[in-house]
Amino acid sequence: MNKSHLALASAVSGLLILAGTLSAPATAAEAKEKCYGVAKAGKNDCATKTGSCAGTAKTDAQKDAFIMVPKGLCDRLAGGSTQSS
């Protein structure tokens, strides 16, 4: 992935996260999934293969770092995958 694609993926991810925080509160019925490869450095939701807790991703779009997103959204994000690399 070149730098312009990475920048675009990061921008889209940030906008989606912002939109999610501004919308109505999430309910327990909303399905979520792990989305690997789209988290910004230091913004991952949980431990990675190289870090023991949330917020330990060393680089943007680290392949083993994930964020939780609404089910079905990950496949639409550039660089997003529901499987860890």
N, C-alpha and C. Protein backbone atom coordinates (compact mmCIF):
# COMPACT_ATOMS: atom_id res chain seq x y z
N MET A 1 0.86 -1.16 0.00
CA MET A 1 0.00 0.00 0.00
C MET A 1 0.90 1.23 0.00
N ASN A 2 0.68 2.13 -0.96
CA ASN A 2 1.53 3.31 -1.00
C ASN A 2 1.04 4.36 -0.01
N LYS A 3 1.81 5.43 0.15
CA LYS A 3 1.51 6.43 1.17
C LYS A 3 0.17 7.12 0.95
N SER A 4 -0.20 7.37 -0.31
CA SER A 4 -1.48 8.05 -0.55
C SER A 4 -2.65 7.15 -0.19
N HIS A 5 -2.55 5.84 -0.46
CA HIS A 5 -3.62 4.92 -0.07
C HIS A 5 -3.70 4.81 1.45
N LEU A 6 -2.56 4.77 2.10
CA LEU A 6 -2.53 4.69 3.56
C LEU A 6 -3.14 5.95 4.17
N ALA A 7 -2.81 7.10 3.61
CA ALA A 7 -3.36 8.36 4.11
C ALA A 7 -4.87 8.40 3.92
N LEU A 8 -5.34 7.95 2.76
CA LEU A 8 -6.78 7.92 2.50
C LEU A 8 -7.49 6.95 3.45
N ALA A 9 -6.91 5.77 3.65
CA ALA A 9 -7.51 4.79 4.56
C ALA A 9 -7.57 5.34 5.98
N SER A 10 -6.52 6.03 6.40
CA SER A 10 -6.50 6.61 7.74
C SER A 10 -7.54 7.72 7.87
N ALA A 11 -7.67 8.53 6.83
CA ALA A 11 -8.66 9.61 6.87
C ALA A 11 -10.08 9.05 6.93
N VAL A 12 -10.36 8.05 6.12
CA VAL A 12 -11.68 7.43 6.12
C VAL A 12 -11.96 6.79 7.47
N SER A 13 -10.99 6.10 8.01
CA SER A 13 -11.16 5.47 9.32
C SER A 13 -11.48 6.52 10.39
N GLY A 14 -10.75 7.61 10.36
CA GLY A 14 -10.99 8.68 11.33
C GLY A 14 -12.37 9.28 11.20
N LEU A 15 -12.81 9.48 9.98
CA LEU A 15 -14.15 10.03 9.77
C LEU A 15 -15.22 9.07 10.23
N LEU A 16 -15.02 7.78 9.98
CA LEU A 16 -16.00 6.79 10.41
C LEU A 16 -16.06 6.69 11.93
N ILE A 17 -14.93 6.77 12.57
CA ILE A 17 -14.90 6.73 14.03
C ILE A 17 -15.58 7.97 14.60
N LEU A 18 -15.30 9.14 14.00
CA LEU A 18 -15.93 10.37 14.45
C LEU A 18 -17.44 10.30 14.25
N ALA A 19 -17.87 9.81 13.11
CA ALA A 19 -19.31 9.68 12.85
C ALA A 19 -19.96 8.74 13.86
N GLY A 20 -19.28 7.68 14.22
CA GLY A 20 -19.80 6.74 15.19
C GLY A 20 -19.94 7.33 16.58
N THR A 21 -19.04 8.22 16.95
CA THR A 21 -19.12 8.83 18.27
C THR A 21 -20.19 9.91 18.33
N LEU A 22 -20.54 10.49 17.18
CA LEU A 22 -21.55 11.53 17.15
C LEU A 22 -22.96 10.99 16.98
N SER A 23 -23.09 9.75 16.56
CA SER A 23 -24.41 9.17 16.34
C SER A 23 -25.01 8.72 17.67
N ALA A 24 -26.21 8.17 17.58
CA ALA A 24 -26.90 7.70 18.78
C ALA A 24 -26.07 6.64 19.49
N PRO A 25 -26.25 6.50 20.80
CA PRO A 25 -25.50 5.50 21.55
C PRO A 25 -25.72 4.09 21.00
N ALA A 26 -24.69 3.30 21.00
CA ALA A 26 -24.78 1.92 20.49
C ALA A 26 -25.62 1.06 21.43
N THR A 27 -26.35 0.16 20.86
CA THR A 27 -27.13 -0.78 21.67
C THR A 27 -26.45 -2.13 21.65
N ALA A 28 -26.80 -2.96 22.58
CA ALA A 28 -26.20 -4.29 22.67
C ALA A 28 -26.55 -5.14 21.46
N ALA A 29 -27.65 -4.80 20.76
CA ALA A 29 -28.09 -5.60 19.62
C ALA A 29 -27.24 -5.35 18.38
N GLU A 30 -26.48 -4.25 18.33
CA GLU A 30 -25.66 -3.96 17.17
C GLU A 30 -24.47 -4.91 17.12
N ALA A 31 -24.33 -5.59 15.98
CA ALA A 31 -23.23 -6.54 15.82
C ALA A 31 -21.94 -5.77 15.50
N LYS A 32 -20.86 -6.18 16.11
CA LYS A 32 -19.54 -5.58 15.88
C LYS A 32 -18.58 -6.67 15.41
N GLU A 33 -17.50 -6.26 14.75
CA GLU A 33 -16.46 -7.20 14.35
C GLU A 33 -15.11 -6.52 14.46
N LYS A 34 -14.07 -7.34 14.59
CA LYS A 34 -12.71 -6.84 14.63
C LYS A 34 -12.29 -6.50 13.20
N CYS A 35 -11.69 -5.32 13.03
CA CYS A 35 -11.20 -4.90 11.72
C CYS A 35 -9.70 -4.64 11.83
N TYR A 36 -8.91 -5.52 11.23
CA TYR A 36 -7.45 -5.45 11.28
C TYR A 36 -6.92 -4.57 10.15
N GLY A 37 -5.81 -3.89 10.41
CA GLY A 37 -5.09 -3.16 9.38
C GLY A 37 -5.58 -1.74 9.13
N VAL A 38 -6.47 -1.20 9.97
CA VAL A 38 -6.95 0.15 9.75
C VAL A 38 -6.72 1.08 10.95
N ALA A 39 -6.25 0.54 12.06
CA ALA A 39 -6.06 1.35 13.27
C ALA A 39 -4.87 2.29 13.11
N LYS A 40 -5.01 3.49 13.64
CA LYS A 40 -3.90 4.43 13.68
C LYS A 40 -2.93 3.98 14.77
N ALA A 41 -1.69 4.40 14.67
CA ALA A 41 -0.69 4.06 15.68
C ALA A 41 -1.17 4.50 17.05
N GLY A 42 -1.13 3.58 18.01
CA GLY A 42 -1.53 3.88 19.38
C GLY A 42 -3.03 3.93 19.60
N LYS A 43 -3.83 3.57 18.61
CA LYS A 43 -5.29 3.67 18.73
C LYS A 43 -6.00 2.32 18.59
N ASN A 44 -5.25 1.21 18.64
CA ASN A 44 -5.89 -0.11 18.52
C ASN A 44 -6.70 -0.43 19.77
N ASP A 45 -7.69 -1.32 19.61
CA ASP A 45 -8.61 -1.62 20.71
C ASP A 45 -8.12 -2.68 21.69
N CYS A 46 -7.22 -3.54 21.30
CA CYS A 46 -6.80 -4.62 22.20
C CYS A 46 -5.37 -5.03 21.89
N ALA A 47 -4.91 -6.03 22.59
CA ALA A 47 -3.54 -6.51 22.44
C ALA A 47 -3.26 -6.98 21.02
N THR A 48 -2.00 -6.91 20.61
CA THR A 48 -1.54 -7.39 19.31
C THR A 48 -0.49 -8.47 19.53
N LYS A 49 0.03 -9.02 18.46
CA LYS A 49 1.11 -10.01 18.58
C LYS A 49 2.37 -9.39 19.17
N THR A 50 2.52 -8.06 19.00
CA THR A 50 3.72 -7.39 19.47
C THR A 50 3.48 -6.45 20.64
N GLY A 51 2.24 -6.36 21.13
CA GLY A 51 1.92 -5.48 22.26
C GLY A 51 0.93 -6.16 23.19
N SER A 52 1.02 -5.85 24.47
CA SER A 52 0.22 -6.56 25.46
C SER A 52 -1.11 -5.91 25.81
N CYS A 53 -1.39 -4.71 25.28
CA CYS A 53 -2.66 -4.08 25.64
C CYS A 53 -3.10 -3.09 24.56
N ALA A 54 -4.28 -2.54 24.76
CA ALA A 54 -4.83 -1.57 23.81
C ALA A 54 -3.91 -0.35 23.72
N GLY A 55 -3.90 0.26 22.55
CA GLY A 55 -3.11 1.47 22.36
C GLY A 55 -1.63 1.24 22.16
N THR A 56 -1.24 0.01 21.81
CA THR A 56 0.19 -0.28 21.67
C THR A 56 0.63 -0.47 20.22
N ALA A 57 -0.24 -0.24 19.25
CA ALA A 57 0.16 -0.37 17.85
C ALA A 57 1.26 0.64 17.56
N LYS A 58 2.33 0.18 16.97
CA LYS A 58 3.51 1.03 16.72
C LYS A 58 3.37 1.87 15.45
N THR A 59 2.61 1.38 14.46
CA THR A 59 2.48 2.09 13.19
C THR A 59 1.03 2.15 12.75
N ASP A 60 0.71 3.09 11.89
CA ASP A 60 -0.61 3.14 11.28
C ASP A 60 -0.80 1.88 10.43
N ALA A 61 -2.00 1.36 10.42
CA ALA A 61 -2.37 0.20 9.59
C ALA A 61 -1.56 -1.05 9.90
N GLN A 62 -1.13 -1.19 11.15
CA GLN A 62 -0.40 -2.39 11.56
C GLN A 62 -1.30 -3.61 11.35
N LYS A 63 -0.82 -4.62 10.68
CA LYS A 63 -1.65 -5.75 10.24
C LYS A 63 -2.23 -6.59 11.37
N ASP A 64 -1.63 -6.60 12.56
CA ASP A 64 -2.17 -7.40 13.66
C ASP A 64 -2.94 -6.57 14.69
N ALA A 65 -3.10 -5.27 14.43
CA ALA A 65 -3.84 -4.39 15.33
C ALA A 65 -5.25 -4.20 14.78
N PHE A 66 -6.25 -4.20 15.68
CA PHE A 66 -7.62 -4.04 15.22
C PHE A 66 -8.38 -2.99 15.99
N ILE A 67 -9.48 -2.55 15.40
CA ILE A 67 -10.48 -1.73 16.07
C ILE A 67 -11.82 -2.42 15.85
N MET A 68 -12.75 -2.20 16.76
CA MET A 68 -14.08 -2.77 16.61
C MET A 68 -14.93 -1.82 15.76
N VAL A 69 -15.58 -2.37 14.75
CA VAL A 69 -16.43 -1.59 13.85
C VAL A 69 -17.76 -2.31 13.68
N PRO A 70 -18.80 -1.61 13.22
CA PRO A 70 -20.07 -2.29 12.94
C PRO A 70 -19.87 -3.40 11.91
N LYS A 71 -20.55 -4.51 12.11
CA LYS A 71 -20.41 -5.68 11.23
C LYS A 71 -20.67 -5.28 9.79
N GLY A 72 -19.79 -5.69 8.88
CA GLY A 72 -19.91 -5.40 7.46
C GLY A 72 -19.13 -4.18 7.00
N LEU A 73 -18.73 -3.32 7.94
CA LEU A 73 -18.00 -2.11 7.56
C LEU A 73 -16.56 -2.39 7.19
N CYS A 74 -15.92 -3.31 7.84
CA CYS A 74 -14.49 -3.57 7.63
C CYS A 74 -14.17 -3.90 6.17
N ASP A 75 -15.02 -4.69 5.54
CA ASP A 75 -14.78 -5.08 4.15
C ASP A 75 -14.82 -3.88 3.20
N ARG A 76 -15.41 -2.80 3.63
CA ARG A 76 -15.51 -1.60 2.79
C ARG A 76 -14.37 -0.61 3.02
N LEU A 77 -13.53 -0.83 4.03
CA LEU A 77 -12.43 0.07 4.33
C LEU A 77 -11.17 -0.38 3.58
N ALA A 78 -10.46 0.59 3.00
CA ALA A 78 -9.22 0.29 2.31
C ALA A 78 -8.22 -0.29 3.30
N GLY A 79 -7.70 -1.47 3.02
CA GLY A 79 -6.73 -2.12 3.89
C GLY A 79 -7.36 -2.91 5.03
N GLY A 80 -8.68 -2.84 5.19
CA GLY A 80 -9.36 -3.52 6.27
C GLY A 80 -9.52 -5.01 6.00
N SER A 81 -9.40 -5.82 7.06
CA SER A 81 -9.57 -7.26 6.96
C SER A 81 -10.13 -7.79 8.28
N THR A 82 -10.99 -8.77 8.20
CA THR A 82 -11.52 -9.38 9.42
C THR A 82 -10.60 -10.48 9.94
N GLN A 83 -9.49 -10.72 9.24
CA GLN A 83 -8.51 -11.71 9.65
C GLN A 83 -7.16 -11.04 9.91
N SER A 84 -6.51 -11.41 10.99
CA SER A 84 -5.18 -10.89 11.32
C SER A 84 -4.15 -11.48 10.37
N SER A 85 -3.19 -10.65 9.97
CA SER A 85 -2.12 -11.13 9.08
C SER A 85 -0.92 -11.55 9.86
